[in-house]
Amino acid sequence: MKKVIFAVFCFVLLIGCIKADVVSETLLDACKSEGISCVSKAKDDVESLPNVYLFRGEGCTYCNRLITFLDSIIDNYDVNVVVYEVSNNVDNKNFYRKVGSLFDFNPSGYPYLVIGEDTFDGYSSEDDDNIKDSLLSLTMNDEPYDVVNYLNSSSSNTNDVAVIIIMLCFIIGFGAYLGFKIKSKN
């Protein structure tokens, strides 16, 4: 019985290692964590809005400037801003790299802003008009491209298959082990 409990414990531990702990925050949360006073309002029904993704580093001056800019204009657009802090979270950093790779970009710094199919690496006030144009384009599109949802759905399918394969291998291996133990006692 101890072996069965140990095997179940190992299996649960293994499954826990497979799932990534990617953590996102809202634009308002990012403002608060960086000590930036926010002027935008929380949006209702964010699940129906197209998503804009911001990958930022804690204490990053350029990130904070971009957060301040987005906060000042975001109420004019029907979008949801999803923020990932990548400097202190390994899973977020790995996720950031996966998103970048879909755009043939090797992320090395931040901020990195993804608006539909448009990306902005770094931030300068010279980008403001292009960011506004991308936001407008995203809201006008009937079926806006959402790279992160695409990545999440394809990686979750891959994770599900991996979990099933690992479970089957574990069950077969454990069954063979128990069969061998029972046979050796006889």
Foldseek 3Di string as FASTA:
>chain_A
DVVVVVLVVVLVVVLVVLDFDFDKDFLVVVCVQQVHDADADDDPPQVVFAEKEKEAERPDPQSNVVSRLCRVCVNVFRHTYIYGHQPPGPSNVVLVQVLQVVLVHGDDHDTWIGQQPDIDGTDDVVCSVVVVVSRVVQRPDPDGHDSSVVVVVVVVVVSVVVSVVVVVVSVVVVVVVVVVVVVVVD
